[in-house]
Amino acid sequence: MNVSKKDLLFVYDVLLHKKIQRSGYELLCSAISLAERKFWLYPRTPETNRL
């Protein structure tokens, strides 16, 4: 199985991250970008795109 960037949702907004979590989606990981910004990574689905 190949995974590309278009299969992943990179969330840099804390409020959006909390909304996605409250909706029950599983967090893949959290990390710090090269620009030293925290982000959360979720699988991209039609449902997460709507949030």
Protein backbone atom coordinates (compact mmCIF):
# COMPACT_ATOMS: atom_id res chain seq x y z
CA MET A 1 0.00 0.00 0.00
CA ASN A 2 1.41 3.37 -1.05
CA VAL A 3 0.56 6.44 1.00
CA SER A 4 1.11 9.91 -0.41
CA LYS A 5 0.60 13.43 0.95
CA LYS A 6 -2.83 13.60 -0.67
CA ASP A 7 -3.90 10.70 1.61
CA LEU A 8 -2.95 12.66 4.74
CA LEU A 9 -4.45 15.68 6.45
CA PHE A 10 -1.88 17.98 8.05
CA VAL A 11 -3.63 20.12 10.67
CA TYR A 12 -1.85 23.20 12.01
CA ASP A 13 -4.89 24.77 13.71
CA VAL A 14 -5.45 23.75 17.36
CA LEU A 15 -9.21 24.32 17.20
CA LEU A 16 -9.56 22.20 14.06
CA HIS A 17 -7.45 19.47 15.65
CA LYS A 18 -9.74 19.43 18.71
CA LYS A 19 -12.85 19.35 16.49
CA ILE A 20 -11.50 16.37 14.52
CA GLN A 21 -10.63 14.54 17.75
CA ARG A 22 -14.09 15.20 19.24
CA SER A 23 -15.57 13.73 16.06
CA GLY A 24 -13.78 10.46 16.85
CA TYR A 25 -11.08 10.36 14.20
CA GLU A 26 -7.83 8.64 15.06
CA LEU A 27 -4.70 10.76 15.26
CA LEU A 28 -1.80 9.23 13.32
CA CYS A 29 0.85 11.40 14.98
CA SER A 30 1.76 14.86 16.15
CA ALA A 31 5.04 16.50 15.29
CA ILE A 32 6.97 19.74 14.85
CA SER A 33 7.50 20.99 11.29
CA LEU A 34 10.82 22.19 9.94
CA ALA A 35 9.46 25.71 10.48
CA GLU A 36 9.02 24.74 14.17
CA ARG A 37 5.21 24.70 14.03
CA LYS A 38 3.29 21.93 15.81
CA PHE A 39 0.94 19.90 13.61
CA TRP A 40 -1.29 16.85 13.84
CA LEU A 41 -1.58 14.23 11.14
CA TYR A 42 -4.86 12.48 10.30
CA PRO A 43 -5.90 10.19 7.47
CA ARG A 44 -7.70 12.23 4.79
CA THR A 45 -11.28 11.09 4.31
CA PRO A 46 -14.36 12.80 2.86
CA GLU A 47 -15.58 13.26 6.44
CA THR A 48 -12.39 14.92 7.70
CA ASN A 49 -12.36 17.15 4.61
CA ARG A 50 -15.85 18.41 5.53
CA LEU A 51 -14.76 19.32 9.06
